[in-house]
Amino acid sequence: MKCEFKDGMTIDYSGSLTVRKGNNIVGVLVKETGLPDAIKNVLDTAARNHNCTELRRITEELTRTDCGRVCIN
């Protein structure tokens, strides 16, 4: 599932998760198998429901760190 927002944020969740703001990568969760089950379950539910608002809320929580990046390999 891919969601694009008016502020330039793009979220692509198709097993792995890529979050971009314009041309910058904000956060990347690499590999479907690297996602913790709890995170994968809420992402899967949002994708199944085609709920871009919920997908954005989840990814904003995941990328909220001091450096603005989360990488799980």
PDB file of N, CA and C in Angstrom:
ATOM      1  N   MET A   1       0.842  -1.167   0.000  1.00  0.00           N
ATOM      2  CA  MET A   1       0.000   0.000   0.000  1.00  0.00           C
ATOM      3  C   MET A   1       0.892   1.236   0.000  1.00  0.00           C
ATOM      4  N   LYS A   2       0.530   2.188  -0.796  1.00  0.00           N
ATOM      5  CA  LYS A   2       1.293   3.429  -0.876  1.00  0.00           C
ATOM      6  C   LYS A   2       0.346   4.606  -0.621  1.00  0.00           C
ATOM      7  N   CYS A   3       0.767   5.495   0.275  1.00  0.00           N
ATOM      8  CA  CYS A   3      -0.020   6.680   0.597  1.00  0.00           C
ATOM      9  C   CYS A   3       0.842   7.910   0.360  1.00  0.00           C
ATOM     10  N   GLU A   4       0.277   8.892  -0.315  1.00  0.00           N
ATOM     11  CA  GLU A   4       0.962  10.161  -0.552  1.00  0.00           C
ATOM     12  C   GLU A   4       0.130  11.271   0.067  1.00  0.00           C
ATOM     13  N   PHE A   5       0.812  12.187   0.763  1.00  0.00           N
ATOM     14  CA  PHE A   5       0.139  13.259   1.473  1.00  0.00           C
ATOM     15  C   PHE A   5       0.530  14.603   0.889  1.00  0.00           C
ATOM     16  N   LYS A   6      -0.308  15.599   1.084  1.00  0.00           N
ATOM     17  CA  LYS A   6      -0.108  16.934   0.508  1.00  0.00           C
ATOM     18  C   LYS A   6       1.172  17.613   0.989  1.00  0.00           C
ATOM     19  N   ASP A   7       1.665  17.238   2.171  1.00  0.00           N
ATOM     20  CA  ASP A   7       2.878  17.868   2.700  1.00  0.00           C
ATOM     21  C   ASP A   7       4.161  17.222   2.177  1.00  0.00           C
ATOM     22  N   GLY A   8       4.033  16.293   1.218  1.00  0.00           N
ATOM     23  CA  GLY A   8       5.206  15.671   0.613  1.00  0.00           C
ATOM     24  C   GLY A   8       5.600  14.342   1.219  1.00  0.00           C
ATOM     25  N   MET A   9       4.916  13.909   2.274  1.00  0.00           N
ATOM     26  CA  MET A   9       5.230  12.626   2.876  1.00  0.00           C
ATOM     27  C   MET A   9       4.646  11.499   2.034  1.00  0.00           C
ATOM     28  N   THR A  10       5.462  10.477   1.819  1.00  0.00           N
ATOM     29  CA  THR A  10       5.031   9.272   1.119  1.00  0.00           C
ATOM     30  C   THR A  10       5.339   8.080   2.003  1.00  0.00           C
ATOM     31  N   ILE A  11       4.354   7.230   2.199  1.00  0.00           N
ATOM     32  CA  ILE A  11       4.523   6.009   2.981  1.00  0.00           C
ATOM     33  C   ILE A  11       4.252   4.841   2.051  1.00  0.00           C
ATOM     34  N   ASP A  12       5.210   3.942   1.971  1.00  0.00           N
ATOM     35  CA  ASP A  12       5.065   2.740   1.142  1.00  0.00           C
ATOM     36  C   ASP A  12       5.216   1.535   2.049  1.00  0.00           C
ATOM     37  N   TYR A  13       4.134   0.811   2.242  1.00  0.00           N
ATOM     38  CA  TYR A  13       4.162  -0.397   3.066  1.00  0.00           C
ATOM     39  C   TYR A  13       3.753  -1.575   2.212  1.00  0.00           C
ATOM     40  N   SER A  14       4.738  -2.359   1.855  1.00  0.00           N
ATOM     41  CA  SER A  14       4.484  -3.586   1.088  1.00  0.00           C
ATOM     42  C   SER A  14       5.437  -4.652   1.617  1.00  0.00           C
ATOM     43  N   GLY A  15       5.197  -5.048   2.849  1.00  0.00           N
ATOM     44  CA  GLY A  15       6.089  -5.980   3.532  1.00  0.00           C
ATOM     45  C   GLY A  15       7.125  -5.233   4.336  1.00  0.00           C
ATOM     46  N   SER A  16       7.936  -4.420   3.666  1.00  0.00           N
ATOM     47  CA  SER A  16       8.830  -3.515   4.376  1.00  0.00           C
ATOM     48  C   SER A  16       8.186  -2.128   4.331  1.00  0.00           C
ATOM     49  N   LEU A  17       8.704  -1.232   5.126  1.00  0.00           N
ATOM     50  CA  LEU A  17       8.108   0.088   5.240  1.00  0.00           C
ATOM     51  C   LEU A  17       9.126   1.149   4.876  1.00  0.00           C
ATOM     52  N   THR A  18       8.763   2.027   3.949  1.00  0.00           N
ATOM     53  CA  THR A  18       9.617   3.146   3.575  1.00  0.00           C
ATOM     54  C   THR A  18       8.815   4.424   3.765  1.00  0.00           C
ATOM     55  N   VAL A  19       9.422   5.382   4.454  1.00  0.00           N
ATOM     56  CA  VAL A  19       8.771   6.663   4.706  1.00  0.00           C
ATOM     57  C   VAL A  19       9.665   7.752   4.138  1.00  0.00           C
ATOM     58  N   ARG A  20       9.109   8.570   3.256  1.00  0.00           N
ATOM     59  CA  ARG A  20       9.870   9.662   2.654  1.00  0.00           C
ATOM     60  C   ARG A  20       9.141  10.970   2.866  1.00  0.00           C
ATOM     61  N   LYS A  21       9.931  12.021   2.986  1.00  0.00           N
ATOM     62  CA  LYS A  21       9.377  13.376   3.034  1.00  0.00           C
ATOM     63  C   LYS A  21      10.101  14.130   1.935  1.00  0.00           C
ATOM     64  N   GLY A  22       9.426  14.378   0.822  1.00  0.00           N
ATOM     65  CA  GLY A  22      10.082  14.950  -0.354  1.00  0.00           C
ATOM     66  C   GLY A  22      11.058  13.929  -0.906  1.00  0.00           C
ATOM     67  N   ASN A  23      12.311  14.315  -1.056  1.00  0.00           N
ATOM     68  CA  ASN A  23      13.337  13.387  -1.534  1.00  0.00           C
ATOM     69  C   ASN A  23      14.128  12.754  -0.395  1.00  0.00           C
ATOM     70  N   ASN A  24      13.804  13.110   0.843  1.00  0.00           N
ATOM     71  CA  ASN A  24      14.541  12.601   1.992  1.00  0.00           C
ATOM     72  C   ASN A  24      13.857  11.383   2.584  1.00  0.00           C
ATOM     73  N   ILE A  25      14.648  10.384   2.928  1.00  0.00           N
ATOM     74  CA  ILE A  25      14.113   9.230   3.632  1.00  0.00           C
ATOM     75  C   ILE A  25      14.035   9.609   5.103  1.00  0.00           C
ATOM     76  N   VAL A  26      12.840   9.546   5.663  1.00  0.00           N
ATOM     77  CA  VAL A  26      12.634   9.906   7.062  1.00  0.00           C
ATOM     78  C   VAL A  26      12.877   8.685   7.950  1.00  0.00           C
ATOM     79  N   GLY A  27      12.356   7.547   7.564  1.00  0.00           N
ATOM     80  CA  GLY A  27      12.541   6.316   8.321  1.00  0.00           C
ATOM     81  C   GLY A  27      12.364   5.130   7.418  1.00  0.00           C
ATOM     82  N   VAL A  28      13.114   4.106   7.670  1.00  0.00           N
ATOM     83  CA  VAL A  28      13.001   2.895   6.866  1.00  0.00           C
ATOM     84  C   VAL A  28      12.981   1.698   7.800  1.00  0.00           C
ATOM     85  N   LEU A  29      11.983   0.891   7.688  1.00  0.00           N
ATOM     86  CA  LEU A  29      11.953  -0.384   8.377  1.00  0.00           C
ATOM     87  C   LEU A  29      12.196  -1.435   7.299  1.00  0.00           C
ATOM     88  N   VAL A  30      13.336  -2.050   7.345  1.00  0.00           N
ATOM     89  CA  VAL A  30      13.745  -2.954   6.282  1.00  0.00           C
ATOM     90  C   VAL A  30      13.306  -4.371   6.608  1.00  0.00           C
ATOM     91  N   LYS A  31      12.903  -5.097   5.615  1.00  0.00           N
ATOM     92  CA  LYS A  31      12.545  -6.515   5.687  1.00  0.00           C
ATOM     93  C   LYS A  31      11.304  -6.756   6.530  1.00  0.00           C
ATOM     94  N   GLU A  32      10.385  -7.431   5.924  1.00  0.00           N
ATOM     95  CA  GLU A  32       9.154  -7.809   6.609  1.00  0.00           C
ATOM     96  C   GLU A  32       9.474  -8.627   7.859  1.00  0.00           C
ATOM     97  N   THR A  33      10.472  -9.515   7.775  1.00  0.00           N
ATOM     98  CA  THR A  33      10.804 -10.378   8.910  1.00  0.00           C
ATOM     99  C   THR A  33      11.476  -9.621  10.039  1.00  0.00           C
ATOM    100  N   GLY A  34      11.962  -8.394   9.773  1.00  0.00           N
ATOM    101  CA  GLY A  34      12.612  -7.598  10.802  1.00  0.00           C
ATOM    102  C   GLY A  34      11.650  -6.777  11.631  1.00  0.00           C
ATOM    103  N   LEU A  35      10.397  -6.709  11.216  1.00  0.00           N
ATOM    104  CA  LEU A  35       9.413  -5.929  11.963  1.00  0.00           C
ATOM    105  C   LEU A  35       8.927  -6.722  13.173  1.00  0.00           C
ATOM    106  N   PRO A  36       8.915  -6.113  14.341  1.00  0.00           N
ATOM    107  CA  PRO A  36       8.319  -6.782  15.503  1.00  0.00           C
ATOM    108  C   PRO A  36       6.850  -7.096  15.204  1.00  0.00           C
ATOM    109  N   ASP A  37       6.366  -8.218  15.716  1.00  0.00           N
ATOM    110  CA  ASP A  37       5.000  -8.666  15.426  1.00  0.00           C
ATOM    111  C   ASP A  37       3.947  -7.619  15.766  1.00  0.00           C
ATOM    112  N   ALA A  38       4.096  -6.932  16.890  1.00  0.00           N
ATOM    113  CA  ALA A  38       3.095  -5.937  17.291  1.00  0.00           C
ATOM    114  C   ALA A  38       3.017  -4.808  16.267  1.00  0.00           C
ATOM    115  N   ILE A  39       4.167  -4.347  15.779  1.00  0.00           N
ATOM    116  CA  ILE A  39       4.191  -3.273  14.779  1.00  0.00           C
ATOM    117  C   ILE A  39       3.638  -3.783  13.456  1.00  0.00           C
ATOM    118  N   LYS A  40       4.067  -4.971  13.053  1.00  0.00           N
ATOM    119  CA  LYS A  40       3.600  -5.542  11.788  1.00  0.00           C
ATOM    120  C   LYS A  40       2.078  -5.711  11.795  1.00  0.00           C
ATOM    121  N   ASN A  41       1.527  -6.145  12.909  1.00  0.00           N
ATOM    122  CA  ASN A  41       0.079  -6.359  12.997  1.00  0.00           C
ATOM    123  C   ASN A  41      -0.705  -5.064  12.803  1.00  0.00           C
ATOM    124  N   VAL A  42      -0.270  -3.970  13.440  1.00  0.00           N
ATOM    125  CA  VAL A  42      -1.020  -2.711  13.277  1.00  0.00           C
ATOM    126  C   VAL A  42      -0.827  -2.133  11.873  1.00  0.00           C
ATOM    127  N   LEU A  43       0.374  -2.310  11.294  1.00  0.00           N
ATOM    128  CA  LEU A  43       0.590  -1.861   9.917  1.00  0.00           C
ATOM    129  C   LEU A  43      -0.262  -2.666   8.948  1.00  0.00           C
ATOM    130  N   ASP A  44      -0.310  -3.990   9.145  1.00  0.00           N
ATOM    131  CA  ASP A  44      -1.120  -4.856   8.283  1.00  0.00           C
ATOM    132  C   ASP A  44      -2.596  -4.489   8.359  1.00  0.00           C
ATOM    133  N   THR A  45      -3.078  -4.206   9.561  1.00  0.00           N
ATOM    134  CA  THR A  45      -4.488  -3.834   9.736  1.00  0.00           C
ATOM    135  C   THR A  45      -4.794  -2.531   9.012  1.00  0.00           C
ATOM    136  N   ALA A  46      -3.927  -1.534   9.157  1.00  0.00           N
ATOM    137  CA  ALA A  46      -4.129  -0.260   8.467  1.00  0.00           C
ATOM    138  C   ALA A  46      -4.105  -0.453   6.951  1.00  0.00           C
ATOM    139  N   ALA A  47      -3.193  -1.287   6.459  1.00  0.00           N
ATOM    140  CA  ALA A  47      -3.099  -1.530   5.015  1.00  0.00           C
ATOM    141  C   ALA A  47      -4.329  -2.272   4.506  1.00  0.00           C
ATOM    142  N   ARG A  48      -4.777  -3.276   5.252  1.00  0.00           N
ATOM    143  CA  ARG A  48      -5.979  -4.028   4.838  1.00  0.00           C
ATOM    144  C   ARG A  48      -7.197  -3.129   4.752  1.00  0.00           C
ATOM    145  N   ASN A  49      -7.272  -2.160   5.660  1.00  0.00           N
ATOM    146  CA  ASN A  49      -8.406  -1.227   5.697  1.00  0.00           C
ATOM    147  C   ASN A  49      -8.201  -0.025   4.787  1.00  0.00           C
ATOM    148  N   HIS A  50      -7.083   0.021   4.059  1.00  0.00           N
ATOM    149  CA  HIS A  50      -6.743   1.143   3.183  1.00  0.00           C
ATOM    150  C   HIS A  50      -6.860   2.464   3.946  1.00  0.00           C
ATOM    151  N   ASN A  51      -6.315   2.467   5.163  1.00  0.00           N
ATOM    152  CA  ASN A  51      -6.424   3.619   6.047  1.00  0.00           C
ATOM    153  C   ASN A  51      -5.090   4.371   6.085  1.00  0.00           C
ATOM    154  N   CYS A  52      -4.924   5.324   5.183  1.00  0.00           N
ATOM    155  CA  CYS A  52      -3.681   6.104   5.106  1.00  0.00           C
ATOM    156  C   CYS A  52      -3.468   6.953   6.356  1.00  0.00           C
ATOM    157  N   THR A  53      -4.540   7.455   6.957  1.00  0.00           N
ATOM    158  CA  THR A  53      -4.417   8.267   8.165  1.00  0.00           C
ATOM    159  C   THR A  53      -3.809   7.451   9.291  1.00  0.00           C
ATOM    160  N   GLU A  54      -4.271   6.234   9.480  1.00  0.00           N
ATOM    161  CA  GLU A  54      -3.744   5.360  10.532  1.00  0.00           C
ATOM    162  C   GLU A  54      -2.310   4.940  10.220  1.00  0.00           C
ATOM    163  N   LEU A  55      -2.032   4.647   8.963  1.00  0.00           N
ATOM    164  CA  LEU A  55      -0.677   4.281   8.552  1.00  0.00           C
ATOM    165  C   LEU A  55       0.290   5.422   8.848  1.00  0.00           C
ATOM    166  N   ARG A  56      -0.145   6.636   8.597  1.00  0.00           N
ATOM    167  CA  ARG A  56       0.704   7.802   8.886  1.00  0.00           C
ATOM    168  C   ARG A  56       0.912   7.969  10.384  1.00  0.00           C
ATOM    169  N   ARG A  57      -0.138   7.815  11.159  1.00  0.00           N
ATOM    170  CA  ARG A  57      -0.022   7.950  12.609  1.00  0.00           C
ATOM    171  C   ARG A  57       0.991   6.942  13.161  1.00  0.00           C
ATOM    172  N   ILE A  58       0.926   5.716  12.698  1.00  0.00           N
ATOM    173  CA  ILE A  58       1.836   4.671  13.156  1.00  0.00           C
ATOM    174  C   ILE A  58       3.272   4.991  12.757  1.00  0.00           C
ATOM    175  N   THR A  59       3.480   5.371  11.514  1.00  0.00           N
ATOM    176  CA  THR A  59       4.847   5.634  11.054  1.00  0.00           C
ATOM    177  C   THR A  59       5.426   6.882  11.709  1.00  0.00           C
ATOM    178  N   GLU A  60       4.601   7.868  12.016  1.00  0.00           N
ATOM    179  CA  GLU A  60       5.106   9.043  12.726  1.00  0.00           C
ATOM    180  C   GLU A  60       5.591   8.662  14.119  1.00  0.00           C
ATOM    181  N   GLU A  61       4.912   7.742  14.770  1.00  0.00           N
ATOM    182  CA  GLU A  61       5.365   7.259  16.076  1.00  0.00           C
ATOM    183  C   GLU A  61       6.683   6.498  15.937  1.00  0.00           C
ATOM    184  N   LEU A  62       6.812   5.694  14.891  1.00  0.00           N
ATOM    185  CA  LEU A  62       8.025   4.905  14.682  1.00  0.00           C
ATOM    186  C   LEU A  62       9.228   5.764  14.351  1.00  0.00           C
ATOM    187  N   THR A  63       9.018   6.869  13.658  1.00  0.00           N
ATOM    188  CA  THR A  63      10.142   7.712  13.235  1.00  0.00           C
ATOM    189  C   THR A  63      10.407   8.852  14.199  1.00  0.00           C
ATOM    190  N   ARG A  64       9.724   8.886  15.316  1.00  0.00           N
ATOM    191  CA  ARG A  64       9.922   9.955  16.301  1.00  0.00           C
ATOM    192  C   ARG A  64      11.093   9.595  17.217  1.00  0.00           C
ATOM    193  N   THR A  65      12.289   9.946  16.759  1.00  0.00           N
ATOM    194  CA  THR A  65      13.507   9.748  17.553  1.00  0.00           C
ATOM    195  C   THR A  65      14.326  11.025  17.453  1.00  0.00           C
ATOM    196  N   ASP A  66      15.421  11.094  18.198  1.00  0.00           N
ATOM    197  CA  ASP A  66      16.264  12.289  18.176  1.00  0.00           C
ATOM    198  C   ASP A  66      16.762  12.615  16.783  1.00  0.00           C
ATOM    199  N   CYS A  67      17.153  11.576  16.027  1.00  0.00           N
ATOM    200  CA  CYS A  67      17.686  11.833  14.697  1.00  0.00           C
ATOM    201  C   CYS A  67      16.609  11.754  13.618  1.00  0.00           C
ATOM    202  N   GLY A  68      15.381  11.315  13.980  1.00  0.00           N
ATOM    203  CA  GLY A  68      14.296  11.243  13.011  1.00  0.00           C
ATOM    204  C   GLY A  68      14.310   9.990  12.174  1.00  0.00           C
ATOM    205  N   ARG A  69      15.101   9.005  12.568  1.00  0.00           N
ATOM    206  CA  ARG A  69      15.185   7.768  11.780  1.00  0.00           C
ATOM    207  C   ARG A  69      15.010   6.554  12.660  1.00  0.00           C
ATOM    208  N   VAL A  70      14.383   5.550  12.101  1.00  0.00           N
ATOM    209  CA  VAL A  70      14.299   4.246  12.736  1.00  0.00           C
ATOM    210  C   VAL A  70      14.679   3.237  11.681  1.00  0.00           C
ATOM    211  N   CYS A  71      15.647   2.391  11.988  1.00  0.00           N
ATOM    212  CA  CYS A  71      16.049   1.338  11.048  1.00  0.00           C
ATOM    213  C   CYS A  71      16.070   0.008  11.782  1.00  0.00           C
ATOM    214  N   ILE A  72      15.244  -0.909  11.353  1.00  0.00           N
ATOM    215  CA  ILE A  72      15.230  -2.257  11.904  1.00  0.00           C
ATOM    216  C   ILE A  72      15.592  -3.193  10.772  1.00  0.00           C
ATOM    217  N   ASN A  73      16.694  -3.916  10.906  1.00  0.00           N
ATOM    218  CA  ASN A  73      17.126  -4.841   9.848  1.00  0.00           C
ATOM    219  C   ASN A  73      16.730  -6.268  10.171  1.00  0.00           C
TER     220      ASN A  73
END
